[in-house]
Amino acid sequence: MKKLFFGTLLLALVIAVPIPTMAQVGINVRIGLPPPIVFAAPPVLIVLPETYVYVVPDVDADIFFYNGWWWRLWEGQWYRSRYYNRGWGYYNTVPSFYFDVDPGWRGYYRNRNWYGHRWDYERIPNQRLQQNWKSWQNDRRWERQGTWGVQSYKPRPQQQRQELRNQRQQQYQRRPEVQQQRQPQVQKPQVQQPRQQPQEKVQQPQRQPQVQQPRQQPQERVQQPQKQEQESQERVQQPQKQEQKHQVQQPEQSQPRHGKPERGEEEKQDRR
């Protein structure tokens, strides 16, 4: 009955609160959201050469559109939304398209020049992009029509593009804002706790006075045989003293024999 009750309760919770909603609430509590950007009108975008990544060139913030999502980089963290001006949610990794984006695209945009070739980019309204981005990506529109607006430009080989991706990834990891986001995750859990535990283990044996005890025991054991030797010596000396007493007393008993004459000798003298 208990298992049936808990199973029914868990099923009711799953139905009442969807799992994506619970995950989103947990993320929003721990990580702050980027500040909103106010647009006077829907943004105009351009497509970056050799990619299907669209960028908003008229704002200072890095806002991208790729594969039906709006993406935003803020203080070393990534966010995405279905809308360009609201509904941002935390994204816990770097999106795959980002390392195909050339970091110097803003300078190329201002100069209308892409690596030494004239760049006649096309400004795309947001509404037109939303209606056509998927068909453009499936039909490979930008390769077939003018190579993204770059005149006489030949796309790089695949191997060279992969090398550029690796270089951009290394540069991204060196950014100060990216390193600041990673440092607390490494330092918090594993540094302080292991240091406290071994200190207690080291201090405990120092407090126990176990060094002096074994030194006292052998001294007592050594003194005991010395006492026994002394007692045995005294026992040996006692009979010697007794012998000396006997030797001294015997001549005392024989002295009266020389001073007083015996009875036989007295009779002889009387006879005489």
Protein backbone atom coordinates (compact mmCIF):
# COMPACT_ATOMS: atom_id res chain seq x y z
CA MET A 1 0.00 0.00 0.00
CA LYS A 2 2.84 2.40 0.80
CA LYS A 3 4.52 1.79 -2.56
CA LEU A 4 1.26 2.35 -4.37
CA PHE A 5 0.66 5.58 -2.45
CA PHE A 6 4.12 7.02 -3.15
CA GLY A 7 3.93 5.98 -6.80
CA THR A 8 0.60 7.76 -7.23
CA LEU A 9 1.97 10.87 -5.50
CA LEU A 10 5.05 10.98 -7.75
CA LEU A 11 2.93 10.58 -10.87
CA ALA A 12 0.69 13.46 -9.77
CA LEU A 13 3.71 15.72 -9.25
CA VAL A 14 5.10 14.92 -12.70
CA ILE A 15 1.78 15.71 -14.35
CA ALA A 16 1.23 18.92 -12.37
CA VAL A 17 4.76 20.37 -12.82
CA PRO A 18 6.50 19.65 -16.13
CA ILE A 19 10.19 18.74 -15.94
CA PRO A 20 11.48 21.57 -18.22
CA THR A 21 9.71 24.11 -16.03
CA MET A 22 11.35 22.78 -12.87
CA ALA A 23 14.79 22.80 -14.48
CA GLN A 24 14.34 26.35 -15.70
CA VAL A 25 13.32 27.57 -12.24
CA GLY A 26 16.43 25.97 -10.67
CA ILE A 27 18.72 27.63 -13.22
CA ASN A 28 17.19 31.08 -12.94
CA VAL A 29 17.63 31.07 -9.17
CA ARG A 30 21.39 30.42 -9.33
CA ILE A 31 22.41 32.45 -12.41
CA GLY A 32 21.40 36.00 -13.22
CA LEU A 33 19.90 36.96 -16.55
CA PRO A 34 21.45 39.51 -18.90
CA PRO A 35 20.01 43.03 -18.91
CA PRO A 36 17.40 43.65 -21.64
CA ILE A 37 18.26 45.49 -24.83
CA VAL A 38 15.68 48.00 -26.02
CA PHE A 39 15.05 47.95 -29.78
CA ALA A 40 13.13 50.78 -31.42
CA ALA A 41 12.22 48.38 -34.23
CA PRO A 42 12.88 44.71 -35.02
CA PRO A 43 16.60 44.28 -35.73
CA VAL A 44 18.19 43.96 -39.16
CA LEU A 45 20.72 41.13 -39.57
CA ILE A 46 23.49 40.03 -41.91
CA VAL A 47 24.84 36.54 -42.59
CA LEU A 48 28.55 35.88 -41.95
CA PRO A 49 30.54 34.37 -44.82
CA GLU A 50 31.15 30.60 -44.75
CA THR A 51 28.42 30.14 -42.12
CA TYR A 52 24.67 30.21 -41.63
CA VAL A 53 25.06 32.40 -38.57
CA TYR A 54 23.21 35.74 -38.60
CA VAL A 55 24.36 38.68 -36.48
CA VAL A 56 22.87 42.00 -35.39
CA PRO A 57 25.51 44.57 -36.46
CA ASP A 58 23.77 47.72 -35.16
CA VAL A 59 24.11 46.95 -31.41
CA ASP A 60 27.22 46.63 -29.28
CA ALA A 61 26.13 43.36 -27.65
CA ASP A 62 26.90 40.05 -29.34
CA ILE A 63 23.49 38.79 -30.50
CA PHE A 64 23.32 35.93 -32.99
CA PHE A 65 20.57 34.00 -34.73
CA TYR A 66 21.21 30.37 -35.61
CA ASN A 67 19.01 27.36 -36.24
CA GLY A 68 15.81 29.06 -35.05
CA TRP A 69 17.24 30.44 -31.77
CA TRP A 70 18.50 33.84 -30.68
CA TRP A 71 21.82 33.57 -28.85
CA ARG A 72 23.50 36.06 -26.55
CA LEU A 73 26.92 36.11 -24.86
CA TRP A 74 27.05 38.08 -21.60
CA GLU A 75 29.87 38.09 -19.01
CA GLY A 76 31.30 34.79 -20.19
CA GLN A 77 27.95 32.97 -20.13
CA TRP A 78 25.54 32.01 -22.89
CA TYR A 79 21.79 32.55 -23.10
CA ARG A 80 19.21 31.75 -25.76
CA SER A 81 15.62 32.62 -26.53
CA ARG A 82 12.94 32.34 -29.20
CA TYR A 83 12.72 36.15 -29.15
CA TYR A 84 15.38 38.78 -29.73
CA ASN A 85 14.33 41.03 -26.82
CA ARG A 86 12.99 38.76 -24.02
CA GLY A 87 12.69 35.25 -22.65
CA TRP A 88 16.43 34.61 -22.20
CA GLY A 89 17.38 31.32 -20.55
CA TYR A 90 20.78 30.13 -19.39
CA TYR A 91 22.68 27.77 -21.73
CA ASN A 92 25.33 25.77 -19.87
CA THR A 93 27.86 25.39 -22.71
CA VAL A 94 29.25 27.20 -25.74
CA PRO A 95 27.01 26.75 -28.82
CA SER A 96 28.66 24.79 -31.61
CA PHE A 97 28.35 27.53 -34.23
CA TYR A 98 30.32 30.12 -32.24
CA PHE A 99 33.80 28.89 -33.17
CA ASP A 100 32.93 29.36 -36.85
CA VAL A 101 32.36 33.09 -36.22
CA ASP A 102 35.34 35.26 -37.06
CA PRO A 103 36.13 37.54 -34.06
CA GLY A 104 36.89 40.46 -36.40
CA TRP A 105 33.58 40.45 -38.22
CA ARG A 106 32.59 43.94 -36.97
CA GLY A 107 35.66 45.53 -38.56
CA TYR A 108 35.04 43.68 -41.80
CA TYR A 109 31.43 44.87 -41.71
CA ARG A 110 32.41 48.53 -41.33
CA ASN A 111 35.02 48.34 -44.11
CA ARG A 112 32.86 46.17 -46.39
CA ASN A 113 35.89 44.01 -46.90
CA TRP A 114 36.29 40.30 -46.10
CA TYR A 115 39.94 39.23 -46.11
CA GLY A 116 40.89 41.54 -48.97
CA HIS A 117 37.73 41.00 -51.02
CA ARG A 118 34.86 43.42 -51.40
CA TRP A 119 31.93 42.37 -49.24
CA ASP A 120 28.53 43.41 -50.53
CA TYR A 121 26.55 42.00 -47.66
CA GLU A 122 22.77 41.93 -47.68
CA ARG A 123 20.81 43.49 -44.81
CA ILE A 124 18.00 41.09 -43.90
CA PRO A 125 14.90 42.29 -41.96
CA ASN A 126 13.91 40.14 -39.00
CA GLN A 127 10.53 39.17 -40.45
CA ARG A 128 12.05 37.95 -43.70
CA LEU A 129 14.67 35.96 -41.79
CA GLN A 130 12.06 34.23 -39.64
CA GLN A 131 10.14 33.18 -42.73
CA ASN A 132 13.09 31.92 -44.81
CA TRP A 133 16.03 30.89 -42.63
CA LYS A 134 15.17 27.20 -42.69
CA SER A 135 14.71 26.96 -46.48
CA TRP A 136 17.88 28.98 -47.05
CA GLN A 137 19.82 26.55 -44.88
CA ASN A 138 18.38 23.47 -46.57
CA ASP A 139 18.93 24.81 -50.10
CA ARG A 140 22.44 26.13 -49.31
CA ARG A 141 21.38 29.50 -50.69
CA TRP A 142 24.41 31.55 -49.67
CA GLU A 143 26.96 29.26 -51.35
CA ARG A 144 25.09 29.18 -54.65
CA GLN A 145 24.37 32.90 -54.86
CA GLY A 146 27.48 34.98 -54.83
CA THR A 147 29.38 33.31 -51.94
CA TRP A 148 27.75 35.42 -49.20
CA GLY A 149 28.21 38.63 -51.20
CA VAL A 150 32.04 38.43 -51.19
CA GLN A 151 33.42 39.09 -54.69
CA SER A 152 35.87 36.55 -56.13
CA TYR A 153 36.09 34.78 -52.82
CA LYS A 154 36.83 31.07 -52.56
CA PRO A 155 35.80 29.32 -49.32
CA ARG A 156 38.61 27.76 -47.26
CA PRO A 157 39.24 24.00 -47.35
CA GLN A 158 37.72 21.95 -44.57
CA GLN A 159 41.06 21.25 -42.89
CA GLN A 160 41.92 24.95 -42.74
CA ARG A 161 38.48 25.76 -41.30
CA GLN A 162 38.98 23.14 -38.58
CA GLU A 163 42.34 24.67 -37.65
CA LEU A 164 40.70 28.08 -37.37
CA ARG A 165 38.03 26.60 -35.11
CA ASN A 166 40.68 25.20 -32.77
CA GLN A 167 42.49 28.54 -32.63
CA ARG A 168 39.30 30.43 -31.84
CA GLN A 169 38.42 27.94 -29.15
CA GLN A 170 41.77 28.49 -27.44
CA GLN A 171 41.37 32.25 -27.67
CA TYR A 172 37.91 32.00 -26.17
CA GLN A 173 39.19 29.98 -23.19
CA ARG A 174 41.78 32.70 -22.44
CA ARG A 175 39.22 35.47 -22.08
CA PRO A 176 39.20 36.95 -18.55
CA GLU A 177 35.41 36.82 -18.23
CA VAL A 178 35.40 33.13 -19.21
CA GLN A 179 38.16 32.26 -16.71
CA GLN A 180 36.36 34.10 -13.91
CA GLN A 181 33.27 31.98 -14.46
CA ARG A 182 35.31 28.78 -14.19
CA GLN A 183 37.48 29.58 -11.18
CA PRO A 184 34.75 29.30 -8.47
CA GLN A 185 33.65 25.93 -9.81
CA VAL A 186 37.14 24.53 -9.32
CA GLN A 187 38.05 26.12 -5.97
CA LYS A 188 34.88 25.75 -3.92
CA PRO A 189 34.34 22.06 -3.45
CA GLN A 190 37.77 20.44 -3.15
CA VAL A 191 40.25 22.76 -1.46
CA GLN A 192 39.09 23.57 2.07
CA GLN A 193 37.65 20.26 3.27
CA PRO A 194 40.63 17.97 2.63
CA ARG A 195 42.97 20.39 4.45
CA GLN A 196 40.98 20.31 7.70
CA GLN A 197 40.72 16.54 7.97
CA PRO A 198 44.43 15.65 7.88
CA GLN A 199 45.23 18.37 10.43
CA GLU A 200 43.03 16.69 13.01
CA LYS A 201 44.62 13.32 12.30
CA VAL A 202 48.13 14.74 12.73
CA GLN A 203 47.38 16.61 15.95
CA GLN A 204 45.81 13.65 17.74
CA PRO A 205 48.93 11.50 18.06
CA GLN A 206 50.94 14.54 19.27
CA ARG A 207 48.60 15.05 22.24
CA GLN A 208 48.93 11.47 23.54
CA PRO A 209 51.93 11.13 25.90
CA GLN A 210 53.18 7.79 24.63
CA VAL A 211 56.91 8.53 24.50
CA GLN A 212 57.87 8.63 28.22
CA GLN A 213 56.07 5.47 29.34
CA PRO A 214 58.28 2.92 27.63
CA ARG A 215 61.40 4.71 28.99
CA GLN A 216 60.29 4.34 32.64
CA GLN A 217 59.46 0.66 32.41
CA PRO A 218 62.94 -0.58 31.47
CA GLN A 219 64.46 1.52 34.27
CA GLU A 220 62.31 -0.22 36.85
CA ARG A 221 63.12 -3.57 35.32
CA VAL A 222 66.84 -2.75 35.44
CA GLN A 223 66.66 -1.62 39.06
CA GLN A 224 64.92 -4.78 40.19
CA PRO A 225 67.75 -7.09 39.20
CA GLN A 226 70.20 -4.68 40.85
CA LYS A 227 68.23 -4.98 44.08
CA GLN A 228 68.26 -8.75 43.77
CA GLU A 229 72.04 -8.69 43.31
CA GLN A 230 72.40 -6.54 46.40
CA GLU A 231 70.22 -8.94 48.39
CA SER A 232 72.23 -11.91 47.17
CA GLN A 233 75.45 -10.13 48.13
CA GLU A 234 74.04 -9.47 51.60
CA ARG A 235 73.11 -13.12 51.88
CA VAL A 236 76.68 -14.08 51.00
CA GLN A 237 78.12 -11.61 53.48
CA GLN A 238 75.94 -12.90 56.36
CA PRO A 239 77.55 -16.37 56.54
CA GLN A 240 80.96 -14.73 56.27
CA LYS A 241 80.15 -12.62 59.30
CA GLN A 242 78.95 -15.66 61.18
CA GLU A 243 82.21 -17.44 60.42
CA GLN A 244 84.14 -14.49 61.68
CA LYS A 245 82.14 -14.55 64.89
CA HIS A 246 82.90 -18.24 65.40
CA GLN A 247 86.55 -17.67 64.76
CA VAL A 248 86.65 -14.90 67.36
CA GLN A 249 84.69 -16.79 70.03
CA GLN A 250 86.74 -20.00 69.96
CA PRO A 251 89.95 -18.52 71.37
CA GLU A 252 87.91 -16.89 74.11
CA GLN A 253 86.79 -20.32 75.32
CA SER A 254 90.36 -21.71 75.31
CA GLN A 255 91.88 -18.84 77.34
CA PRO A 256 90.60 -20.01 80.75
CA ARG A 257 92.47 -23.26 80.19
CA HIS A 258 95.80 -21.41 80.39
CA GLY A 259 94.88 -19.25 83.42
CA LYS A 260 93.24 -21.86 85.69
CA PRO A 261 94.93 -25.21 86.25
CA GLU A 262 92.99 -28.32 85.65
CA ARG A 263 92.08 -30.74 88.47
CA GLY A 264 94.70 -33.28 87.53
CA GLU A 265 97.40 -30.74 87.64
CA GLU A 266 96.25 -29.51 91.10
CA GLU A 267 96.43 -32.99 92.54
CA LYS A 268 99.90 -33.41 91.19
CA GLN A 269 101.01 -30.25 92.80
CA ASP A 270 99.49 -31.23 96.17
CA ARG A 271 101.28 -34.53 96.02
CA ARG A 272 104.46 -32.85 95.46
